[in-house]
Amino acid sequence: MGQLMEMPIMLAVTVLAARWIICRFAVPPTPSVRLGMGLLALVLILVAEFALVTRLRGISISEYLATRDPVSGAAYYVTLIVFALMPLLVARR
């Protein structure tokens, strides 16, 4: 329940951060550049998350994925996809 409640907040933070980074670093509006940026961010966040999960909880990545709640787990995976696509989705001002 807590994960589902925090998702709208994290989505809002993701939108704001993507807009700020794109404006701050003048990322070109080319879809391939923005998609590459989002995919790199996704890889980095997953590496950090899996490294922390395996150390703190002492379980493997497959065990971690298997123990996720079906509803919040599905919402989490959708949120990760949106996170990766966000630099492509936000409009440059």
N, C-alpha and C. Protein backbone atom coordinates (compact mmCIF):
# COMPACT_ATOMS: atom_id res chain seq x y z
N MET A 1 0.82 -1.19 0.00
CA MET A 1 0.00 0.00 0.00
C MET A 1 0.87 1.26 0.00
N GLY A 2 1.93 1.22 0.77
CA GLY A 2 2.83 2.37 0.84
C GLY A 2 3.50 2.66 -0.50
N GLN A 3 3.88 1.61 -1.21
CA GLN A 3 4.50 1.80 -2.52
C GLN A 3 3.54 2.43 -3.50
N LEU A 4 2.29 2.02 -3.46
CA LEU A 4 1.29 2.58 -4.36
C LEU A 4 1.00 4.04 -4.03
N MET A 5 1.06 4.38 -2.75
CA MET A 5 0.80 5.76 -2.33
C MET A 5 1.94 6.70 -2.72
N GLU A 6 3.15 6.19 -2.75
CA GLU A 6 4.28 7.07 -3.08
C GLU A 6 4.49 7.23 -4.58
N MET A 7 3.89 6.39 -5.40
CA MET A 7 4.12 6.44 -6.85
C MET A 7 3.72 7.75 -7.50
N PRO A 8 2.58 8.37 -7.16
CA PRO A 8 2.28 9.67 -7.77
C PRO A 8 3.30 10.75 -7.41
N ILE A 9 3.80 10.69 -6.19
CA ILE A 9 4.82 11.66 -5.77
C ILE A 9 6.11 11.43 -6.54
N MET A 10 6.51 10.18 -6.66
CA MET A 10 7.73 9.87 -7.40
C MET A 10 7.59 10.21 -8.89
N LEU A 11 6.40 10.04 -9.43
CA LEU A 11 6.16 10.41 -10.83
C LEU A 11 6.29 11.91 -11.01
N ALA A 12 5.74 12.68 -10.08
CA ALA A 12 5.86 14.14 -10.15
C ALA A 12 7.32 14.57 -10.04
N VAL A 13 8.07 13.96 -9.14
CA VAL A 13 9.49 14.27 -9.00
C VAL A 13 10.25 13.91 -10.27
N THR A 14 9.88 12.79 -10.89
CA THR A 14 10.53 12.37 -12.13
C THR A 14 10.29 13.38 -13.24
N VAL A 15 9.06 13.87 -13.36
CA VAL A 15 8.74 14.88 -14.39
C VAL A 15 9.54 16.15 -14.15
N LEU A 16 9.54 16.63 -12.91
CA LEU A 16 10.27 17.86 -12.59
C LEU A 16 11.77 17.70 -12.82
N ALA A 17 12.32 16.58 -12.41
CA ALA A 17 13.75 16.35 -12.58
C ALA A 17 14.12 16.24 -14.06
N ALA A 18 13.29 15.55 -14.84
CA ALA A 18 13.57 15.42 -16.28
C ALA A 18 13.52 16.78 -16.96
N ARG A 19 12.53 17.59 -16.62
CA ARG A 19 12.45 18.93 -17.21
C ARG A 19 13.67 19.77 -16.84
N TRP A 20 14.06 19.72 -15.56
CA TRP A 20 15.18 20.53 -15.10
C TRP A 20 16.48 20.10 -15.80
N ILE A 21 16.71 18.80 -15.88
CA ILE A 21 17.95 18.30 -16.49
C ILE A 21 18.00 18.64 -17.98
N ILE A 22 16.88 18.49 -18.65
CA ILE A 22 16.85 18.78 -20.09
C ILE A 22 17.11 20.26 -20.34
N CYS A 23 16.52 21.12 -19.52
CA CYS A 23 16.76 22.56 -19.68
C CYS A 23 18.16 22.95 -19.23
N ARG A 24 18.60 22.41 -18.13
CA ARG A 24 19.91 22.78 -17.55
C ARG A 24 21.06 22.40 -18.46
N PHE A 25 20.98 21.23 -19.06
CA PHE A 25 22.08 20.74 -19.89
C PHE A 25 21.80 20.85 -21.38
N ALA A 26 20.71 21.55 -21.75
CA ALA A 26 20.36 21.79 -23.15
C ALA A 26 20.41 20.50 -23.97
N VAL A 27 19.70 19.49 -23.50
CA VAL A 27 19.66 18.21 -24.20
C VAL A 27 18.91 18.40 -25.51
N PRO A 28 19.49 17.99 -26.63
CA PRO A 28 18.82 18.17 -27.91
C PRO A 28 17.49 17.41 -27.95
N PRO A 29 16.52 17.93 -28.71
CA PRO A 29 15.21 17.28 -28.75
C PRO A 29 15.16 16.02 -29.61
N THR A 30 16.30 15.53 -30.03
CA THR A 30 16.37 14.31 -30.82
C THR A 30 15.87 13.12 -30.00
N PRO A 31 14.90 12.37 -30.52
CA PRO A 31 14.37 11.24 -29.75
C PRO A 31 15.42 10.21 -29.33
N SER A 32 16.39 9.94 -30.19
CA SER A 32 17.40 8.94 -29.84
C SER A 32 18.27 9.40 -28.67
N VAL A 33 18.58 10.69 -28.63
CA VAL A 33 19.40 11.21 -27.53
C VAL A 33 18.63 11.15 -26.22
N ARG A 34 17.38 11.58 -26.27
CA ARG A 34 16.57 11.59 -25.04
C ARG A 34 16.23 10.18 -24.57
N LEU A 35 15.97 9.29 -25.49
CA LEU A 35 15.69 7.91 -25.10
C LEU A 35 16.95 7.25 -24.54
N GLY A 36 18.09 7.53 -25.13
CA GLY A 36 19.35 7.02 -24.60
C GLY A 36 19.62 7.52 -23.20
N MET A 37 19.31 8.79 -22.98
CA MET A 37 19.48 9.38 -21.65
C MET A 37 18.57 8.68 -20.63
N GLY A 38 17.32 8.43 -21.01
CA GLY A 38 16.39 7.75 -20.12
C GLY A 38 16.78 6.31 -19.84
N LEU A 39 17.26 5.62 -20.85
CA LEU A 39 17.68 4.23 -20.66
C LEU A 39 18.93 4.14 -19.78
N LEU A 40 19.85 5.09 -19.96
CA LEU A 40 21.03 5.12 -19.09
C LEU A 40 20.62 5.37 -17.64
N ALA A 41 19.70 6.29 -17.43
CA ALA A 41 19.21 6.56 -16.07
C ALA A 41 18.54 5.34 -15.48
N LEU A 42 17.77 4.61 -16.31
CA LEU A 42 17.11 3.39 -15.84
C LEU A 42 18.13 2.34 -15.42
N VAL A 43 19.15 2.15 -16.23
CA VAL A 43 20.20 1.17 -15.89
C VAL A 43 20.88 1.56 -14.59
N LEU A 44 21.20 2.83 -14.42
CA LEU A 44 21.88 3.27 -13.20
C LEU A 44 21.00 3.08 -11.96
N ILE A 45 19.72 3.40 -12.07
CA ILE A 45 18.85 3.24 -10.90
C ILE A 45 18.63 1.77 -10.57
N LEU A 46 18.55 0.91 -11.58
CA LEU A 46 18.38 -0.53 -11.31
C LEU A 46 19.64 -1.14 -10.71
N VAL A 47 20.79 -0.73 -11.18
CA VAL A 47 22.04 -1.22 -10.59
C VAL A 47 22.13 -0.82 -9.12
N ALA A 48 21.78 0.45 -8.83
CA ALA A 48 21.82 0.91 -7.44
C ALA A 48 20.80 0.15 -6.58
N GLU A 49 19.61 -0.02 -7.09
CA GLU A 49 18.57 -0.72 -6.33
C GLU A 49 18.94 -2.17 -6.07
N PHE A 50 19.38 -2.87 -7.10
CA PHE A 50 19.72 -4.28 -6.92
C PHE A 50 20.95 -4.46 -6.03
N ALA A 51 21.90 -3.55 -6.11
CA ALA A 51 23.07 -3.63 -5.24
C ALA A 51 22.66 -3.46 -3.78
N LEU A 52 21.75 -2.52 -3.53
CA LEU A 52 21.29 -2.31 -2.16
C LEU A 52 20.43 -3.47 -1.67
N VAL A 53 19.56 -3.99 -2.52
CA VAL A 53 18.67 -5.08 -2.12
C VAL A 53 19.48 -6.33 -1.77
N THR A 54 20.45 -6.66 -2.61
CA THR A 54 21.22 -7.87 -2.34
C THR A 54 22.05 -7.73 -1.08
N ARG A 55 22.52 -6.53 -0.78
CA ARG A 55 23.33 -6.33 0.44
C ARG A 55 22.47 -6.21 1.69
N LEU A 56 21.45 -5.36 1.64
CA LEU A 56 20.67 -5.09 2.84
C LEU A 56 19.72 -6.22 3.22
N ARG A 57 19.08 -6.81 2.24
CA ARG A 57 18.12 -7.88 2.53
C ARG A 57 18.74 -9.25 2.45
N GLY A 58 19.91 -9.37 1.87
CA GLY A 58 20.60 -10.65 1.78
C GLY A 58 19.90 -11.67 0.90
N ILE A 59 19.22 -11.19 -0.15
CA ILE A 59 18.55 -12.10 -1.07
C ILE A 59 19.03 -11.83 -2.49
N SER A 60 18.79 -12.78 -3.37
CA SER A 60 19.20 -12.61 -4.75
C SER A 60 18.20 -11.72 -5.49
N ILE A 61 18.59 -11.28 -6.67
CA ILE A 61 17.71 -10.43 -7.47
C ILE A 61 16.45 -11.19 -7.87
N SER A 62 16.60 -12.45 -8.24
CA SER A 62 15.42 -13.24 -8.63
C SER A 62 14.46 -13.42 -7.44
N GLU A 63 15.01 -13.61 -6.24
CA GLU A 63 14.16 -13.71 -5.04
C GLU A 63 13.45 -12.39 -4.78
N TYR A 64 14.16 -11.31 -4.97
CA TYR A 64 13.57 -9.97 -4.77
C TYR A 64 12.40 -9.76 -5.73
N LEU A 65 12.59 -10.09 -6.99
CA LEU A 65 11.53 -9.90 -7.98
C LEU A 65 10.35 -10.84 -7.72
N ALA A 66 10.64 -12.04 -7.22
CA ALA A 66 9.58 -13.02 -6.96
C ALA A 66 8.74 -12.64 -5.74
N THR A 67 9.31 -11.90 -4.80
CA THR A 67 8.58 -11.56 -3.59
C THR A 67 7.80 -10.26 -3.70
N ARG A 68 7.83 -9.62 -4.84
CA ARG A 68 7.07 -8.36 -5.01
C ARG A 68 5.58 -8.66 -5.08
N ASP A 69 4.80 -7.77 -4.51
CA ASP A 69 3.34 -7.88 -4.57
C ASP A 69 2.89 -7.74 -6.02
N PRO A 70 1.94 -8.55 -6.48
CA PRO A 70 1.53 -8.48 -7.90
C PRO A 70 1.03 -7.11 -8.33
N VAL A 71 0.24 -6.45 -7.49
CA VAL A 71 -0.31 -5.15 -7.87
C VAL A 71 0.75 -4.06 -7.82
N SER A 72 1.41 -3.91 -6.68
CA SER A 72 2.42 -2.86 -6.58
C SER A 72 3.64 -3.18 -7.45
N GLY A 73 3.92 -4.46 -7.65
CA GLY A 73 5.02 -4.84 -8.53
C GLY A 73 4.75 -4.44 -9.97
N ALA A 74 3.52 -4.69 -10.44
CA ALA A 74 3.17 -4.29 -11.81
C ALA A 74 3.22 -2.77 -11.96
N ALA A 75 2.71 -2.06 -10.95
CA ALA A 75 2.75 -0.59 -10.99
C ALA A 75 4.20 -0.10 -10.97
N TYR A 76 5.05 -0.78 -10.22
CA TYR A 76 6.47 -0.43 -10.15
C TYR A 76 7.14 -0.59 -11.52
N TYR A 77 6.85 -1.68 -12.20
CA TYR A 77 7.45 -1.91 -13.52
C TYR A 77 6.97 -0.87 -14.54
N VAL A 78 5.70 -0.51 -14.47
CA VAL A 78 5.18 0.54 -15.35
C VAL A 78 5.86 1.87 -15.04
N THR A 79 6.05 2.15 -13.76
CA THR A 79 6.73 3.38 -13.36
C THR A 79 8.17 3.40 -13.87
N LEU A 80 8.84 2.28 -13.86
CA LEU A 80 10.20 2.23 -14.40
C LEU A 80 10.22 2.53 -15.90
N ILE A 81 9.24 2.03 -16.62
CA ILE A 81 9.16 2.31 -18.06
C ILE A 81 8.91 3.79 -18.29
N VAL A 82 8.00 4.37 -17.51
CA VAL A 82 7.72 5.80 -17.63
C VAL A 82 8.97 6.61 -17.27
N PHE A 83 9.69 6.17 -16.24
CA PHE A 83 10.94 6.82 -15.84
C PHE A 83 11.93 6.86 -17.00
N ALA A 84 12.06 5.75 -17.70
CA ALA A 84 13.01 5.68 -18.82
C ALA A 84 12.55 6.54 -19.99
N LEU A 85 11.25 6.67 -20.18
CA LEU A 85 10.72 7.44 -21.30
C LEU A 85 10.55 8.93 -21.00
N MET A 86 10.68 9.31 -19.74
CA MET A 86 10.37 10.69 -19.34
C MET A 86 11.19 11.74 -20.08
N PRO A 87 12.50 11.59 -20.30
CA PRO A 87 13.21 12.63 -21.05
C PRO A 87 12.64 12.81 -22.46
N LEU A 88 12.09 11.77 -23.01
CA LEU A 88 11.47 11.84 -24.33
C LEU A 88 10.08 12.50 -24.26
N LEU A 89 9.38 12.28 -23.14
CA LEU A 89 8.01 12.76 -23.00
C LEU A 89 7.89 14.22 -22.62
N VAL A 90 8.84 14.73 -21.84
CA VAL A 90 8.72 16.12 -21.39
C VAL A 90 9.04 17.08 -22.52
N ALA A 91 8.34 18.16 -22.55
CA ALA A 91 8.55 19.16 -23.61
C ALA A 91 9.63 20.14 -23.18
N ARG A 92 10.46 20.49 -24.12
CA ARG A 92 11.49 21.49 -23.85
C ARG A 92 10.88 22.85 -24.05
N ARG A 93 11.11 23.72 -23.08
CA ARG A 93 10.54 25.07 -23.16
C ARG A 93 11.45 25.99 -23.93
